[in-house]
């Protein structure tokens, strides 16, 4: 398959890239940083994202999987201390990049015939605490956009779904904090396995809770 991973240089992105590459799939890793051999594309630049889609179409003709892992977090102790600058940052990272990627790649995902799209959301979107106002709102907006994308894909054979976590954990975090148990956190390798499992189901427009 042809799998594109946005935000591929982060721990979750690396886990997803590794999972699919080890199975022999062609993985296109994209990250603004260009780290770890990823394509250095700024997903806030819509023209650059459309060029990426055109390049992928020219080389492969389709996309079988599109995994959007661009993320970030900003928060505060209280609601009154929320900084709207944090909202602006999170809106760009969590919502605007998602909009650009889905709008540019929808035709390619349709062309795959059985394409899969996924984002990772957080429990904070369901019940945000006062200090998570900006983050929870951005995640909720990203979920709404993804559900609209799922509706657009209905009947095409391709799907869009939301994977919900409390938070993610990886070996680097465990090594840095050996005394912590990270209860309720989802390991990035388990996230990668859940993403791979999307090809085993035809569900579309669902929120899959990985914390249970």
Foldseek 3Di string as FASTA:
>chain_A
DEAEEEPLVDPLNVLLVCVVVVVVYHYAYEYCVCPPVHHNFDLLPLVSLLVVLVVCCVVPVAHQEYEYEFADADWDPALVPDDVVRLVVRLSRQPSSLVSNLVNHVVRQLRNQAHEYEYEAECCLVPNDSGRVSVNVSRVNSLVVQLVSQVVCPPSNYAYEYEYFNEEDEPVVCVVPVPDDPQLHHYSNNVSVVRVCVSVDSDHSYYHYPSD
